[in-house]
């Protein structure tokens, strides 16, 4: 069963560069298949830097996260935390 969440992006550069790197790293650290996309668009693999940055997600945009697997809830918690944290507060 998949778990889904919609999150509004806070980092001022959106899902590019440093926030995207932290996002992809977190997606790959969990035992779950995670996809990300705009609420009404196609989903891409959250563990792929090229796929994630190709979304062109900007500050204030909503993104849809869908995860499936044993660690799905933890994965969505970690990814939502990155998306809702200002870039200067990220540790990546």
PDB file of N, CA and C in Angstrom:
ATOM      1  N   UNK A   1       0.839  -1.183   0.000  1.00  0.00           N
ATOM      2  CA  UNK A   1       0.000   0.000   0.000  1.00  0.00           C
ATOM      3  C   UNK A   1       0.884   1.247   0.000  1.00  0.00           C
ATOM      4  N   UNK A   2       0.582   2.182  -0.844  1.00  0.00           N
ATOM      5  CA  UNK A   2       1.404   3.383  -0.920  1.00  0.00           C
ATOM      6  C   UNK A   2       0.863   4.470   0.008  1.00  0.00           C
ATOM      7  N   UNK A   3       1.770   5.320   0.413  1.00  0.00           N
ATOM      8  CA  UNK A   3       1.468   6.458   1.268  1.00  0.00           C
ATOM      9  C   UNK A   3       1.741   7.711   0.462  1.00  0.00           C
ATOM     10  N   UNK A   4       0.930   8.726   0.650  1.00  0.00           N
ATOM     11  CA  UNK A   4       1.046   9.930  -0.163  1.00  0.00           C
ATOM     12  C   UNK A   4       0.951  11.174   0.703  1.00  0.00           C
ATOM     13  N   UNK A   5       1.668  12.226   0.275  1.00  0.00           N
ATOM     14  CA  UNK A   5       1.638  13.492   0.998  1.00  0.00           C
ATOM     15  C   UNK A   5       1.888  14.634   0.016  1.00  0.00           C
ATOM     16  N   UNK A   6       1.240  15.770   0.235  1.00  0.00           N
ATOM     17  CA  UNK A   6       1.503  16.969  -0.560  1.00  0.00           C
ATOM     18  C   UNK A   6       2.147  18.008   0.346  1.00  0.00           C
ATOM     19  N   UNK A   7       3.259  18.593  -0.132  1.00  0.00           N
ATOM     20  CA  UNK A   7       4.054  19.513   0.668  1.00  0.00           C
ATOM     21  C   UNK A   7       4.330  20.772  -0.147  1.00  0.00           C
ATOM     22  N   UNK A   8       4.310  21.938   0.511  1.00  0.00           N
ATOM     23  CA  UNK A   8       4.682  23.199  -0.133  1.00  0.00           C
ATOM     24  C   UNK A   8       6.171  23.444   0.085  1.00  0.00           C
ATOM     25  N   UNK A   9       6.880  23.737  -1.000  1.00  0.00           N
ATOM     26  CA  UNK A   9       8.338  23.891  -0.976  1.00  0.00           C
ATOM     27  C   UNK A   9       8.721  25.244  -0.365  1.00  0.00           C
ATOM     28  N   UNK A  10       9.622  25.215   0.626  1.00  0.00           N
ATOM     29  CA  UNK A  10      10.056  26.411   1.337  1.00  0.00           C
ATOM     30  C   UNK A  10      11.401  26.965   0.840  1.00  0.00           C
ATOM     31  N   UNK A  11      12.419  26.129   0.528  1.00  0.00           N
ATOM     32  CA  UNK A  11      13.709  26.707   0.107  1.00  0.00           C
ATOM     33  C   UNK A  11      13.550  27.691  -1.053  1.00  0.00           C
ATOM     34  N   UNK A  12      14.239  28.827  -0.948  1.00  0.00           N
ATOM     35  CA  UNK A  12      14.046  29.890  -1.942  1.00  0.00           C
ATOM     36  C   UNK A  12      14.496  29.504  -3.346  1.00  0.00           C
ATOM     37  N   UNK A  13      15.400  28.539  -3.469  1.00  0.00           N
ATOM     38  CA  UNK A  13      15.806  28.060  -4.791  1.00  0.00           C
ATOM     39  C   UNK A  13      14.960  26.878  -5.258  1.00  0.00           C
ATOM     40  N   UNK A  14      13.910  26.558  -4.509  1.00  0.00           N
ATOM     41  CA  UNK A  14      13.063  25.432  -4.890  1.00  0.00           C
ATOM     42  C   UNK A  14      13.794  24.120  -4.737  1.00  0.00           C
ATOM     43  N   UNK A  15      13.508  23.190  -5.624  1.00  0.00           N
ATOM     44  CA  UNK A  15      14.129  21.865  -5.556  1.00  0.00           C
ATOM     45  C   UNK A  15      15.295  21.799  -6.535  1.00  0.00           C
ATOM     46  N   UNK A  16      16.298  22.658  -6.309  1.00  0.00           N
ATOM     47  CA  UNK A  16      17.492  22.719  -7.145  1.00  0.00           C
ATOM     48  C   UNK A  16      18.723  22.724  -6.252  1.00  0.00           C
ATOM     49  N   UNK A  17      19.836  22.329  -6.788  1.00  0.00           N
ATOM     50  CA  UNK A  17      21.140  22.333  -6.125  1.00  0.00           C
ATOM     51  C   UNK A  17      21.110  21.678  -4.755  1.00  0.00           C
ATOM     52  N   UNK A  18      21.428  22.437  -3.721  1.00  0.00           N
ATOM     53  CA  UNK A  18      21.603  21.860  -2.388  1.00  0.00           C
ATOM     54  C   UNK A  18      20.342  21.180  -1.851  1.00  0.00           C
ATOM     55  N   UNK A  19      19.179  21.805  -1.898  1.00  0.00           N
ATOM     56  CA  UNK A  19      17.977  21.099  -1.422  1.00  0.00           C
ATOM     57  C   UNK A  19      17.700  19.825  -2.222  1.00  0.00           C
ATOM     58  N   UNK A  20      17.935  19.853  -3.510  1.00  0.00           N
ATOM     59  CA  UNK A  20      17.712  18.659  -4.331  1.00  0.00           C
ATOM     60  C   UNK A  20      18.683  17.552  -3.958  1.00  0.00           C
ATOM     61  N   UNK A  21      19.937  17.904  -3.695  1.00  0.00           N
ATOM     62  CA  UNK A  21      20.932  16.906  -3.288  1.00  0.00           C
ATOM     63  C   UNK A  21      20.535  16.262  -1.965  1.00  0.00           C
ATOM     64  N   UNK A  22      20.105  17.066  -1.011  1.00  0.00           N
ATOM     65  CA  UNK A  22      19.657  16.532   0.280  1.00  0.00           C
ATOM     66  C   UNK A  22      18.415  15.666   0.104  1.00  0.00           C
ATOM     67  N   UNK A  23      17.523  16.093  -0.764  1.00  0.00           N
ATOM     68  CA  UNK A  23      16.280  15.356  -1.030  1.00  0.00           C
ATOM     69  C   UNK A  23      16.582  13.985  -1.633  1.00  0.00           C
ATOM     70  N   UNK A  24      17.437  13.949  -2.641  1.00  0.00           N
ATOM     71  CA  UNK A  24      17.778  12.686  -3.307  1.00  0.00           C
ATOM     72  C   UNK A  24      18.511  11.753  -2.343  1.00  0.00           C
ATOM     73  N   UNK A  25      19.429  12.299  -1.562  1.00  0.00           N
ATOM     74  CA  UNK A  25      20.155  11.486  -0.591  1.00  0.00           C
ATOM     75  C   UNK A  25      19.188  10.857   0.415  1.00  0.00           C
ATOM     76  N   UNK A  26      18.256  11.644   0.921  1.00  0.00           N
ATOM     77  CA  UNK A  26      17.281  11.124   1.891  1.00  0.00           C
ATOM     78  C   UNK A  26      16.382  10.065   1.253  1.00  0.00           C
ATOM     79  N   UNK A  27      15.986  10.279   0.016  1.00  0.00           N
ATOM     80  CA  UNK A  27      15.130   9.299  -0.673  1.00  0.00           C
ATOM     81  C   UNK A  27      15.833   7.958  -0.816  1.00  0.00           C
ATOM     82  N   UNK A  28      17.150   7.996  -1.033  1.00  0.00           N
ATOM     83  CA  UNK A  28      17.913   6.765  -1.228  1.00  0.00           C
ATOM     84  C   UNK A  28      18.319   6.087   0.078  1.00  0.00           C
ATOM     85  N   UNK A  29      18.120   6.757   1.197  1.00  0.00           N
ATOM     86  CA  UNK A  29      18.490   6.186   2.498  1.00  0.00           C
ATOM     87  C   UNK A  29      17.387   5.308   3.100  1.00  0.00           C
ATOM     88  N   UNK A  30      16.222   5.308   2.501  1.00  0.00           N
ATOM     89  CA  UNK A  30      15.086   4.582   3.076  1.00  0.00           C
ATOM     90  C   UNK A  30      14.716   3.366   2.243  1.00  0.00           C
ATOM     91  N   UNK A  31      14.162   2.363   2.934  1.00  0.00           N
ATOM     92  CA  UNK A  31      13.716   1.143   2.281  1.00  0.00           C
ATOM     93  C   UNK A  31      12.301   1.363   1.749  1.00  0.00           C
ATOM     94  N   UNK A  32      12.223   2.201   0.716  1.00  0.00           N
ATOM     95  CA  UNK A  32      10.928   2.524   0.109  1.00  0.00           C
ATOM     96  C   UNK A  32      11.157   3.033  -1.308  1.00  0.00           C
ATOM     97  N   UNK A  33      10.207   2.770  -2.165  1.00  0.00           N
ATOM     98  CA  UNK A  33      10.214   3.359  -3.498  1.00  0.00           C
ATOM     99  C   UNK A  33       9.459   4.670  -3.398  1.00  0.00           C
ATOM    100  N   UNK A  34      10.148   5.777  -3.692  1.00  0.00           N
ATOM    101  CA  UNK A  34       9.536   7.092  -3.531  1.00  0.00           C
ATOM    102  C   UNK A  34       9.516   7.809  -4.867  1.00  0.00           C
ATOM    103  N   UNK A  35       8.386   8.427  -5.156  1.00  0.00           N
ATOM    104  CA  UNK A  35       8.252   9.238  -6.367  1.00  0.00           C
ATOM    105  C   UNK A  35       7.793  10.634  -5.958  1.00  0.00           C
ATOM    106  N   UNK A  36       8.117  11.613  -6.793  1.00  0.00           N
ATOM    107  CA  UNK A  36       7.779  13.000  -6.525  1.00  0.00           C
ATOM    108  C   UNK A  36       7.323  13.656  -7.825  1.00  0.00           C
ATOM    109  N   UNK A  37       6.424  14.633  -7.693  1.00  0.00           N
ATOM    110  CA  UNK A  37       5.962  15.376  -8.855  1.00  0.00           C
ATOM    111  C   UNK A  37       5.025  16.490  -8.434  1.00  0.00           C
ATOM    112  N   UNK A  38       4.558  17.224  -9.392  1.00  0.00           N
ATOM    113  CA  UNK A  38       3.574  18.248  -9.088  1.00  0.00           C
ATOM    114  C   UNK A  38       2.229  17.559  -8.844  1.00  0.00           C
ATOM    115  N   UNK A  39       1.322  18.210  -8.102  1.00  0.00           N
ATOM    116  CA  UNK A  39       0.062  17.541  -7.753  1.00  0.00           C
ATOM    117  C   UNK A  39      -0.731  17.023  -8.954  1.00  0.00           C
ATOM    118  N   UNK A  40      -0.668  17.693 -10.082  1.00  0.00           N
ATOM    119  CA  UNK A  40      -1.442  17.248 -11.239  1.00  0.00           C
ATOM    120  C   UNK A  40      -0.561  16.745 -12.386  1.00  0.00           C
ATOM    121  N   UNK A  41       0.716  16.498 -12.084  1.00  0.00           N
ATOM    122  CA  UNK A  41       1.636  16.061 -13.127  1.00  0.00           C
ATOM    123  C   UNK A  41       2.127  14.649 -12.924  1.00  0.00           C
ATOM    124  N   UNK A  42       3.037  14.251 -13.794  1.00  0.00           N
ATOM    125  CA  UNK A  42       3.639  12.927 -13.701  1.00  0.00           C
ATOM    126  C   UNK A  42       4.612  12.872 -12.525  1.00  0.00           C
ATOM    127  N   UNK A  43       4.812  11.672 -12.001  1.00  0.00           N
ATOM    128  CA  UNK A  43       5.754  11.459 -10.910  1.00  0.00           C
ATOM    129  C   UNK A  43       7.072  10.936 -11.471  1.00  0.00           C
ATOM    130  N   UNK A  44       8.189  11.296 -10.791  1.00  0.00           N
ATOM    131  CA  UNK A  44       9.507  10.809 -11.180  1.00  0.00           C
ATOM    132  C   UNK A  44      10.155  10.174  -9.952  1.00  0.00           C
ATOM    133  N   UNK A  45      11.220   9.427 -10.175  1.00  0.00           N
ATOM    134  CA  UNK A  45      11.937   8.781  -9.075  1.00  0.00           C
ATOM    135  C   UNK A  45      12.587   9.833  -8.180  1.00  0.00           C
ATOM    136  N   UNK A  46      12.272   9.790  -6.893  1.00  0.00           N
ATOM    137  CA  UNK A  46      12.818  10.761  -5.944  1.00  0.00           C
ATOM    138  C   UNK A  46      14.296  10.527  -5.676  1.00  0.00           C
ATOM    139  N   UNK A  47      14.821   9.357  -6.037  1.00  0.00           N
ATOM    140  CA  UNK A  47      16.221   9.041  -5.816  1.00  0.00           C
ATOM    141  C   UNK A  47      17.124   9.411  -6.978  1.00  0.00           C
ATOM    142  N   UNK A  48      16.592  10.102  -7.975  1.00  0.00           N
ATOM    143  CA  UNK A  48      17.366  10.496  -9.155  1.00  0.00           C
ATOM    144  C   UNK A  48      17.525  12.010  -9.202  1.00  0.00           C
ATOM    145  N   UNK A  49      18.769  12.486  -9.104  1.00  0.00           N
ATOM    146  CA  UNK A  49      19.029  13.932  -9.120  1.00  0.00           C
ATOM    147  C   UNK A  49      18.548  14.555 -10.426  1.00  0.00           C
ATOM    148  N   UNK A  50      18.804  13.896 -11.535  1.00  0.00           N
ATOM    149  CA  UNK A  50      18.377  14.440 -12.835  1.00  0.00           C
ATOM    150  C   UNK A  50      16.858  14.532 -12.908  1.00  0.00           C
ATOM    151  N   UNK A  51      16.184  13.479 -12.457  1.00  0.00           N
ATOM    152  CA  UNK A  51      14.715  13.480 -12.506  1.00  0.00           C
ATOM    153  C   UNK A  51      14.134  14.548 -11.588  1.00  0.00           C
ATOM    154  N   UNK A  52      14.696  14.667 -10.388  1.00  0.00           N
ATOM    155  CA  UNK A  52      14.168  15.631  -9.413  1.00  0.00           C
ATOM    156  C   UNK A  52      14.369  17.072  -9.900  1.00  0.00           C
ATOM    157  N   UNK A  53      15.576  17.388 -10.367  1.00  0.00           N
ATOM    158  CA  UNK A  53      15.813  18.766 -10.814  1.00  0.00           C
ATOM    159  C   UNK A  53      15.068  19.094 -12.110  1.00  0.00           C
ATOM    160  N   UNK A  54      14.748  18.066 -12.898  1.00  0.00           N
ATOM    161  CA  UNK A  54      14.005  18.312 -14.143  1.00  0.00           C
ATOM    162  C   UNK A  54      12.565  18.727 -13.892  1.00  0.00           C
ATOM    163  N   UNK A  55      12.080  18.542 -12.677  1.00  0.00           N
ATOM    164  CA  UNK A  55      10.710  18.952 -12.355  1.00  0.00           C
ATOM    165  C   UNK A  55      10.557  20.480 -12.375  1.00  0.00           C
ATOM    166  N   UNK A  56      11.658  21.204 -12.110  1.00  0.00           N
ATOM    167  CA  UNK A  56      11.588  22.667 -12.115  1.00  0.00           C
ATOM    168  C   UNK A  56      10.733  23.218 -10.987  1.00  0.00           C
ATOM    169  N   UNK A  57      10.762  22.556  -9.843  1.00  0.00           N
ATOM    170  CA  UNK A  57       9.944  22.978  -8.707  1.00  0.00           C
ATOM    171  C   UNK A  57      10.554  24.222  -8.070  1.00  0.00           C
ATOM    172  N   UNK A  58       9.737  25.245  -7.845  1.00  0.00           N
ATOM    173  CA  UNK A  58      10.185  26.514  -7.274  1.00  0.00           C
ATOM    174  C   UNK A  58       9.613  26.710  -5.867  1.00  0.00           C
ATOM    175  N   UNK A  59      10.170  27.700  -5.175  1.00  0.00           N
ATOM    176  CA  UNK A  59       9.670  28.049  -3.846  1.00  0.00           C
ATOM    177  C   UNK A  59       8.170  28.332  -3.920  1.00  0.00           C
ATOM    178  N   UNK A  60       7.425  27.774  -3.005  1.00  0.00           N
ATOM    179  CA  UNK A  60       5.983  28.007  -2.950  1.00  0.00           C
ATOM    180  C   UNK A  60       5.165  27.015  -3.750  1.00  0.00           C
ATOM    181  N   UNK A  61       5.825  26.214  -4.578  1.00  0.00           N
ATOM    182  CA  UNK A  61       5.108  25.187  -5.337  1.00  0.00           C
ATOM    183  C   UNK A  61       4.714  24.035  -4.415  1.00  0.00           C
ATOM    184  N   UNK A  62       3.627  23.383  -4.734  1.00  0.00           N
ATOM    185  CA  UNK A  62       3.242  22.156  -4.043  1.00  0.00           C
ATOM    186  C   UNK A  62       3.821  20.970  -4.797  1.00  0.00           C
ATOM    187  N   UNK A  63       4.316  19.988  -4.050  1.00  0.00           N
ATOM    188  CA  UNK A  63       4.790  18.746  -4.653  1.00  0.00           C
ATOM    189  C   UNK A  63       4.074  17.583  -3.988  1.00  0.00           C
ATOM    190  N   UNK A  64       3.881  16.558  -4.763  1.00  0.00           N
ATOM    191  CA  UNK A  64       3.227  15.334  -4.300  1.00  0.00           C
ATOM    192  C   UNK A  64       4.286  14.259  -4.118  1.00  0.00           C
ATOM    193  N   UNK A  65       4.319  13.668  -2.936  1.00  0.00           N
ATOM    194  CA  UNK A  65       5.248  12.584  -2.625  1.00  0.00           C
ATOM    195  C   UNK A  65       4.446  11.311  -2.472  1.00  0.00           C
ATOM    196  N   UNK A  66       4.887  10.251  -3.120  1.00  0.00           N
ATOM    197  CA  UNK A  66       4.236   8.947  -3.010  1.00  0.00           C
ATOM    198  C   UNK A  66       5.316   7.924  -2.685  1.00  0.00           C
ATOM    199  N   UNK A  67       5.106   7.161  -1.605  1.00  0.00           N
ATOM    200  CA  UNK A  67       6.089   6.162  -1.186  1.00  0.00           C
ATOM    201  C   UNK A  67       5.410   4.825  -0.973  1.00  0.00           C
ATOM    202  N   UNK A  68       6.161   3.782  -1.296  1.00  0.00           N
ATOM    203  CA  UNK A  68       5.676   2.414  -1.122  1.00  0.00           C
ATOM    204  C   UNK A  68       6.827   1.584  -0.575  1.00  0.00           C
ATOM    205  N   UNK A  69       6.575   0.873   0.522  1.00  0.00           N
ATOM    206  CA  UNK A  69       7.614   0.022   1.096  1.00  0.00           C
ATOM    207  C   UNK A  69       7.582   0.065   2.603  1.00  0.00           C
ATOM    208  N   UNK A  70       8.443  -0.759   3.225  1.00  0.00           N
ATOM    209  CA  UNK A  70       8.470  -0.873   4.676  1.00  0.00           C
ATOM    210  C   UNK A  70       8.768   0.450   5.377  1.00  0.00           C
ATOM    211  N   UNK A  71       9.529   1.314   4.738  1.00  0.00           N
ATOM    212  CA  UNK A  71       9.990   2.561   5.347  1.00  0.00           C
ATOM    213  C   UNK A  71       9.289   3.782   4.738  1.00  0.00           C
ATOM    214  N   UNK A  72       8.119   3.593   4.174  1.00  0.00           N
ATOM    215  CA  UNK A  72       7.447   4.658   3.428  1.00  0.00           C
ATOM    216  C   UNK A  72       7.144   5.889   4.287  1.00  0.00           C
ATOM    217  N   UNK A  73       6.596   5.695   5.471  1.00  0.00           N
ATOM    218  CA  UNK A  73       6.247   6.844   6.312  1.00  0.00           C
ATOM    219  C   UNK A  73       7.485   7.627   6.734  1.00  0.00           C
ATOM    220  N   UNK A  74       8.541   6.919   7.118  1.00  0.00           N
ATOM    221  CA  UNK A  74       9.790   7.592   7.519  1.00  0.00           C
ATOM    222  C   UNK A  74      10.394   8.343   6.337  1.00  0.00           C
ATOM    223  N   UNK A  75      10.321   7.758   5.165  1.00  0.00           N
ATOM    224  CA  UNK A  75      10.844   8.420   3.971  1.00  0.00           C
ATOM    225  C   UNK A  75      10.076   9.716   3.706  1.00  0.00           C
ATOM    226  N   UNK A  76       8.766   9.654   3.786  1.00  0.00           N
ATOM    227  CA  UNK A  76       7.972  10.867   3.544  1.00  0.00           C
ATOM    228  C   UNK A  76       8.223  11.918   4.616  1.00  0.00           C
ATOM    229  N   UNK A  77       8.412  11.498   5.873  1.00  0.00           N
ATOM    230  CA  UNK A  77       8.735  12.453   6.938  1.00  0.00           C
ATOM    231  C   UNK A  77      10.052  13.164   6.638  1.00  0.00           C
ATOM    232  N   UNK A  78      11.074  12.404   6.241  1.00  0.00           N
ATOM    233  CA  UNK A  78      12.386  12.991   5.964  1.00  0.00           C
ATOM    234  C   UNK A  78      12.333  13.935   4.758  1.00  0.00           C
ATOM    235  N   UNK A  79      11.636  13.511   3.715  1.00  0.00           N
ATOM    236  CA  UNK A  79      11.559  14.346   2.508  1.00  0.00           C
ATOM    237  C   UNK A  79      10.735  15.605   2.752  1.00  0.00           C
ATOM    238  N   UNK A  80       9.652  15.474   3.485  1.00  0.00           N
ATOM    239  CA  UNK A  80       8.827  16.648   3.808  1.00  0.00           C
ATOM    240  C   UNK A  80       9.619  17.639   4.657  1.00  0.00           C
ATOM    241  N   UNK A  81      10.452  17.129   5.564  1.00  0.00           N
ATOM    242  CA  UNK A  81      11.275  18.013   6.401  1.00  0.00           C
ATOM    243  C   UNK A  81      12.240  18.826   5.543  1.00  0.00           C
ATOM    244  N   UNK A  82      12.832  18.197   4.543  1.00  0.00           N
ATOM    245  CA  UNK A  82      13.758  18.909   3.647  1.00  0.00           C
ATOM    246  C   UNK A  82      13.016  19.965   2.845  1.00  0.00           C
ATOM    247  N   UNK A  83      11.850  19.601   2.355  1.00  0.00           N
ATOM    248  CA  UNK A  83      11.079  20.528   1.514  1.00  0.00           C
ATOM    249  C   UNK A  83      10.516  21.709   2.302  1.00  0.00           C
ATOM    250  N   UNK A  84      10.397  21.577   3.611  1.00  0.00           N
ATOM    251  CA  UNK A  84       9.811  22.652   4.417  1.00  0.00           C
ATOM    252  C   UNK A  84      10.855  23.374   5.269  1.00  0.00           C
ATOM    253  N   UNK A  85      12.145  23.115   4.997  1.00  0.00           N
ATOM    254  CA  UNK A  85      13.228  23.764   5.740  1.00  0.00           C
ATOM    255  C   UNK A  85      13.926  24.775   4.839  1.00  0.00           C
ATOM    256  N   UNK A  86      14.102  26.020   5.301  1.00  0.00           N
ATOM    257  CA  UNK A  86      14.836  26.991   4.484  1.00  0.00           C
ATOM    258  C   UNK A  86      16.232  26.468   4.145  1.00  0.00           C
ATOM    259  N   UNK A  87      16.727  26.799   2.951  1.00  0.00           N
ATOM    260  CA  UNK A  87      17.986  26.253   2.469  1.00  0.00           C
ATOM    261  C   UNK A  87      19.150  26.510   3.426  1.00  0.00           C
ATOM    262  N   UNK A  88      19.200  27.672   4.063  1.00  0.00           N
ATOM    263  CA  UNK A  88      20.326  27.972   4.953  1.00  0.00           C
ATOM    264  C   UNK A  88      20.302  27.158   6.241  1.00  0.00           C
ATOM    265  N   UNK A  89      19.225  26.418   6.471  1.00  0.00           N
ATOM    266  CA  UNK A  89      19.147  25.574   7.667  1.00  0.00           C
ATOM    267  C   UNK A  89      19.365  24.098   7.352  1.00  0.00           C
ATOM    268  N   UNK A  90      19.562  23.752   6.070  1.00  0.00           N
ATOM    269  CA  UNK A  90      19.813  22.363   5.691  1.00  0.00           C
ATOM    270  C   UNK A  90      21.244  21.979   6.043  1.00  0.00           C
ATOM    271  N   UNK A  91      21.444  20.714   6.450  1.00  0.00           N
ATOM    272  CA  UNK A  91      22.765  20.222   6.816  1.00  0.00           C
ATOM    273  C   UNK A  91      23.499  19.574   5.657  1.00  0.00           C
ATOM    274  N   UNK A  92      22.852  19.392   4.516  1.00  0.00           N
ATOM    275  CA  UNK A  92      23.466  18.660   3.402  1.00  0.00           C
ATOM    276  C   UNK A  92      24.643  19.398   2.822  1.00  0.00           C
TER     277      UNK A  92
END
